[in-house]
Amino acid sequence: MKILILGAGKMGTFLTDVMCLQHEVALFDKDPKRLRFVFNTQRMTRYEEIAEFKPDMLINAVTLKYTLTAFDEVIPFLPEKCILADIASVKTGLPEYYKHCGRPFVSTHPMFGPTFATLDNLSTQNAIIISESDHMGKAFFKDLYGSLHLHLFEYTFQEHDETIAYSLSIPFASTLAFASVMKPIEAPGTTFKRHMDIAKGLLSEDDFLLSEILFNPYTPQQVENIRAKLAELLDIINAHDTERMHNFIKGVRENIK
């Protein structure tokens, strides 16, 4: 299959490396400096090159903020039967876009990032495939993600964003709150250092990615839940209420069994 990947960022170049030995792959980025180290892959910086390549599938791996814009810019240069694919972390706006453009599509979300995952061993990681996607596109990504030993889940667009609000927005918001009150001092606690490592890893991600995940329409309720629990915990601490504290901790342990 002839596959064009938009965006030579972390995920774009990772997907290029994964697929370039089994497929004819091209990588497009407007900045030629980002294409310097790709392997066994055609490098493109002009839309006319895309038209000449005639891809069977386009995988949009640009920054989440520009996903729809990137589709708009490249679609005029694609064959009519080219499958559109995205790996966006939040699917807001994509169902309507795909319906409007009238092209075959597949939407997935590899649930790992180059910051935290060990990319040569992804057997503990997950991927989501959107159930409304076209059959051919779903079959392709099931094979691809299966070859990486990822655990596969199939959700609707809505179920995906609800799940992301729970599985990403809660730890993202909690980590940002933790890091926002840090001081530039060395602290000896092991738990503290682990939290700091998580915070540093999170903050190495693209700001637009963090923003869009937190702007998920299902995120506010999750953040409200965190705020309510923090208020409850603060009330217990101020009251020095040992019994309530023990009950609170017991409830937390039940949640993470």
Protein backbone atom coordinates (compact mmCIF):
# COMPACT_ATOMS: atom_id res chain seq x y z
CA MET A 1 0.00 0.00 0.00
CA LYS A 2 1.15 3.55 -0.73
CA ILE A 3 0.90 5.53 2.50
CA LEU A 4 1.43 9.24 3.02
CA ILE A 5 2.02 10.53 6.55
CA LEU A 6 1.45 14.21 7.31
CA GLY A 7 3.71 15.68 9.98
CA ALA A 8 7.26 14.65 10.89
CA GLY A 9 6.74 14.92 14.63
CA LYS A 10 7.24 12.17 17.19
CA MET A 11 4.29 10.01 16.14
CA GLY A 12 4.64 10.75 12.44
CA THR A 13 8.25 9.59 12.31
CA PHE A 14 7.47 6.62 14.56
CA LEU A 15 4.73 5.43 12.19
CA THR A 16 7.08 5.97 9.26
CA ASP A 17 9.69 3.73 10.85
CA VAL A 18 7.10 1.06 11.64
CA MET A 19 5.60 0.89 8.14
CA CYS A 20 8.42 1.72 5.73
CA LEU A 21 9.68 -1.85 5.33
CA GLN A 22 6.28 -3.30 4.38
CA HIS A 23 4.69 -0.40 2.51
CA GLU A 24 5.68 2.38 0.14
CA VAL A 25 5.74 5.30 2.56
CA ALA A 26 6.11 9.05 2.07
CA LEU A 27 6.44 11.65 4.82
CA PHE A 28 5.27 15.23 4.25
CA ASP A 29 6.30 18.23 6.33
CA LYS A 30 6.58 21.88 5.36
CA ASP A 31 9.85 22.12 7.33
CA PRO A 32 12.53 20.13 5.43
CA LYS A 33 14.78 20.06 8.53
CA ARG A 34 12.32 17.69 10.22
CA LEU A 35 12.73 15.16 7.40
CA ARG A 36 16.49 14.72 7.75
CA PHE A 37 16.63 11.40 9.58
CA VAL A 38 13.79 9.33 8.11
CA PHE A 39 14.66 5.90 6.74
CA ASN A 40 13.52 4.17 3.53
CA THR A 41 10.88 6.85 3.00
CA GLN A 42 10.11 9.46 0.36
CA ARG A 43 10.44 12.98 1.75
CA MET A 44 8.00 15.63 0.61
CA THR A 45 7.61 19.35 1.27
CA ARG A 46 5.34 20.36 -1.66
CA TYR A 47 1.72 19.38 -2.28
CA GLU A 48 2.47 18.71 -5.93
CA GLU A 49 4.67 15.81 -4.80
CA ILE A 50 1.66 14.31 -3.04
CA ALA A 51 -0.36 14.42 -6.25
CA GLU A 52 2.43 12.57 -8.05
CA PHE A 53 2.72 9.97 -5.28
CA LYS A 54 -1.03 9.10 -5.40
CA PRO A 55 -1.35 7.56 -1.92
CA ASP A 56 -3.88 4.87 -1.06
CA MET A 57 -4.05 6.14 2.52
CA LEU A 58 -3.26 9.47 4.18
CA ILE A 59 -2.40 9.36 7.89
CA ASN A 60 -2.73 12.79 9.47
CA ALA A 61 -0.18 13.02 12.32
CA VAL A 62 0.13 16.80 12.61
CA THR A 63 -0.36 18.67 15.87
CA LEU A 64 -3.94 18.26 17.07
CA LYS A 65 -4.72 21.96 16.65
CA TYR A 66 -4.05 21.75 12.91
CA THR A 67 -5.61 18.35 12.11
CA LEU A 68 -8.62 19.66 10.19
CA THR A 69 -6.63 22.43 8.49
CA ALA A 70 -4.06 19.88 7.30
CA PHE A 71 -6.83 17.73 5.82
CA ASP A 72 -8.28 20.74 3.99
CA GLU A 73 -4.91 21.68 2.52
CA VAL A 74 -3.98 18.22 1.23
CA ILE A 75 -7.33 16.74 0.07
CA PRO A 76 -7.28 18.55 -3.32
CA PHE A 77 -4.07 16.63 -4.13
CA LEU A 78 -5.35 13.17 -3.19
CA PRO A 79 -6.95 10.47 -5.36
CA GLU A 80 -10.71 10.16 -4.83
CA LYS A 81 -10.43 6.72 -3.23
CA CYS A 82 -7.60 7.64 -0.86
CA ILE A 83 -8.55 6.67 2.72
CA LEU A 84 -8.26 9.50 5.24
CA ALA A 85 -6.86 8.52 8.63
CA ASP A 86 -6.21 10.39 11.85
CA ILE A 87 -4.57 9.48 15.15
CA ALA A 88 -5.99 12.44 17.07
CA SER A 89 -6.15 12.26 20.86
CA VAL A 90 -9.49 14.08 20.89
CA LYS A 91 -12.07 13.45 18.17
CA THR A 92 -14.13 16.63 18.57
CA GLY A 93 -15.18 17.88 15.12
CA LEU A 94 -13.90 14.86 13.22
CA PRO A 95 -17.22 12.95 12.84
CA GLU A 96 -18.78 16.00 11.21
CA TYR A 97 -15.72 16.58 9.05
CA TYR A 98 -15.62 13.04 7.71
CA LYS A 99 -19.35 13.08 7.01
CA HIS A 100 -19.03 16.35 5.13
CA CYS A 101 -16.03 15.36 2.99
CA GLY A 102 -17.64 12.10 1.90
CA ARG A 103 -14.38 10.13 1.67
CA PRO A 104 -13.54 6.75 3.20
CA PHE A 105 -11.90 7.27 6.60
CA VAL A 106 -10.46 5.51 9.62
CA SER A 107 -9.93 7.16 12.99
CA THR A 108 -7.68 5.61 15.63
CA HIS A 109 -5.79 6.63 18.76
CA PRO A 110 -2.54 4.90 19.72
CA MET A 111 -2.74 5.30 23.50
CA PHE A 112 0.94 5.83 24.09
CA GLY A 113 3.37 8.67 23.59
CA PRO A 114 7.07 8.64 22.78
CA THR A 115 7.73 10.37 26.11
CA PHE A 116 6.63 7.50 28.34
CA ALA A 117 6.39 4.39 26.17
CA THR A 118 9.23 2.05 25.32
CA LEU A 119 8.71 2.04 21.58
CA ASP A 120 10.52 -1.24 20.98
CA ASN A 121 8.19 -3.00 23.42
CA LEU A 122 4.57 -1.87 23.29
CA SER A 123 2.97 -5.04 24.60
CA THR A 124 1.62 -3.22 27.68
CA GLN A 125 0.15 -0.34 25.65
CA ASN A 126 -3.29 0.16 24.11
CA ALA A 127 -4.86 1.53 20.94
CA ILE A 128 -8.41 2.57 20.11
CA ILE A 129 -10.07 2.14 16.72
CA ILE A 130 -13.25 4.13 16.08
CA SER A 131 -16.15 1.84 15.22
CA GLU A 132 -17.70 4.21 12.65
CA SER A 133 -14.56 3.93 10.48
CA ASP A 134 -14.68 2.22 7.09
CA HIS A 135 -13.99 -1.52 7.02
CA MET A 136 -10.80 -1.39 4.93
CA GLY A 137 -9.27 1.28 7.15
CA LYS A 138 -10.14 -0.62 10.33
CA ALA A 139 -8.65 -3.83 8.92
CA PHE A 140 -5.40 -2.03 8.08
CA PHE A 141 -4.94 -0.57 11.56
CA LYS A 142 -5.97 -3.79 13.29
CA ASP A 143 -3.14 -5.50 11.44
CA LEU A 144 -0.70 -2.65 12.13
CA TYR A 145 -1.45 -2.33 15.83
CA GLY A 146 -1.62 -6.10 16.18
CA SER A 147 1.91 -6.37 14.76
CA LEU A 148 3.03 -3.99 17.54
CA HIS A 149 1.32 -6.22 20.14
CA LEU A 150 -0.94 -3.40 21.27
CA HIS A 151 -4.18 -4.18 23.11
CA LEU A 152 -7.04 -3.07 20.84
CA PHE A 153 -10.32 -1.45 21.82
CA GLU A 154 -13.15 -0.38 19.53
CA TYR A 155 -15.20 2.66 20.59
CA THR A 156 -17.55 5.10 18.94
CA PHE A 157 -16.37 8.70 18.52
CA GLN A 158 -18.37 9.71 21.61
CA GLU A 159 -17.18 6.77 23.70
CA HIS A 160 -13.60 7.59 22.75
CA ASP A 161 -13.77 11.18 23.97
CA GLU A 162 -15.56 10.13 27.17
CA THR A 163 -12.83 7.57 27.83
CA ILE A 164 -10.04 10.07 27.10
CA ALA A 165 -11.58 12.58 29.50
CA TYR A 166 -11.32 9.90 32.18
CA SER A 167 -8.01 8.22 31.33
CA LEU A 168 -5.98 11.27 30.24
CA SER A 169 -7.67 14.42 31.53
CA ILE A 170 -7.72 13.25 35.17
CA PRO A 171 -3.98 12.46 35.38
CA PHE A 172 -3.09 15.47 33.22
CA ALA A 173 -5.08 17.88 35.40
CA SER A 174 -3.81 16.29 38.61
CA THR A 175 -0.19 16.45 37.44
CA LEU A 176 -0.50 20.07 36.33
CA ALA A 177 -2.00 21.01 39.69
CA PHE A 178 0.85 19.21 41.50
CA ALA A 179 3.57 20.84 39.38
CA SER A 180 2.00 24.31 39.60
CA VAL A 181 2.78 24.55 43.33
CA MET A 182 6.34 23.23 43.14
CA LYS A 183 9.31 25.29 44.30
CA PRO A 184 12.81 25.10 42.75
CA ILE A 185 14.26 23.11 45.63
CA GLU A 186 15.51 19.55 46.00
CA ALA A 187 13.17 17.35 48.07
CA PRO A 188 14.29 13.94 49.34
CA GLY A 189 11.00 12.03 49.20
CA THR A 190 10.85 9.05 46.81
CA THR A 191 7.14 9.59 46.06
CA PHE A 192 7.82 13.26 45.42
CA LYS A 193 10.57 12.41 42.92
CA ARG A 194 8.31 9.98 41.10
CA HIS A 195 5.62 12.63 40.80
CA MET A 196 8.22 15.08 39.52
CA ASP A 197 9.38 12.62 36.86
CA ILE A 198 5.79 12.22 35.67
CA ALA A 199 5.33 16.00 35.62
CA LYS A 200 8.52 16.56 33.64
CA GLY A 201 7.50 13.92 31.13
CA LEU A 202 4.03 15.42 30.74
CA LEU A 203 5.39 18.94 30.29
CA SER A 204 7.77 17.76 27.57
CA GLU A 205 4.71 17.14 25.39
CA ASP A 206 3.40 19.69 22.92
CA ASP A 207 1.40 22.48 24.61
CA PHE A 208 -1.34 22.24 21.98
CA LEU A 209 -1.71 18.51 22.65
CA LEU A 210 -2.07 19.10 26.40
CA SER A 211 -4.52 21.94 25.79
CA GLU A 212 -6.74 20.04 23.37
CA ILE A 213 -6.94 16.97 25.61
CA LEU A 214 -7.98 19.20 28.52
CA PHE A 215 -10.42 21.07 26.24
CA ASN A 216 -12.22 17.79 25.56
CA PRO A 217 -15.93 18.57 26.20
CA TYR A 218 -16.07 15.74 28.72
CA THR A 219 -13.10 17.01 30.78
CA PRO A 220 -14.81 19.68 32.93
CA GLN A 221 -16.90 17.13 34.83
CA GLN A 222 -13.82 15.06 35.61
CA VAL A 223 -11.98 18.14 36.89
CA GLU A 224 -15.03 19.04 38.98
CA ASN A 225 -14.83 15.57 40.55
CA ILE A 226 -11.18 16.21 41.46
CA ARG A 227 -12.03 19.60 42.93
CA ALA A 228 -14.86 18.11 45.03
CA LYS A 229 -12.58 15.42 46.43
CA LEU A 230 -9.84 17.94 47.20
CA ALA A 231 -12.36 20.11 49.02
CA GLU A 232 -13.49 17.08 51.03
CA LEU A 233 -9.88 16.15 51.84
CA LEU A 234 -9.06 19.71 52.88
CA ASP A 235 -12.07 19.77 55.21
CA ILE A 236 -10.92 16.50 56.82
CA ILE A 237 -7.37 17.83 57.26
CA ASN A 238 -8.54 21.13 58.79
CA ALA A 239 -10.81 19.23 61.19
CA HIS A 240 -8.08 16.74 62.15
CA ASP A 241 -10.80 14.10 61.84
CA THR A 242 -8.96 10.76 62.03
CA GLU A 243 -12.06 8.63 61.47
CA ARG A 244 -13.08 10.50 58.33
CA MET A 245 -9.50 10.39 57.04
CA HIS A 246 -9.33 6.63 57.49
CA ASN A 247 -12.67 6.26 55.69
CA PHE A 248 -11.45 8.51 52.88
CA ILE A 249 -8.27 6.45 52.45
CA LYS A 250 -10.32 3.22 52.59
CA GLY A 251 -12.50 4.54 49.77
CA VAL A 252 -9.44 5.39 47.68
CA ARG A 253 -8.03 1.90 48.16
CA GLU A 254 -11.34 0.44 46.99
CA ASN A 255 -11.13 2.54 43.82
CA ILE A 256 -7.72 1.20 42.79
CA LYS A 257 -8.16 -2.51 43.53
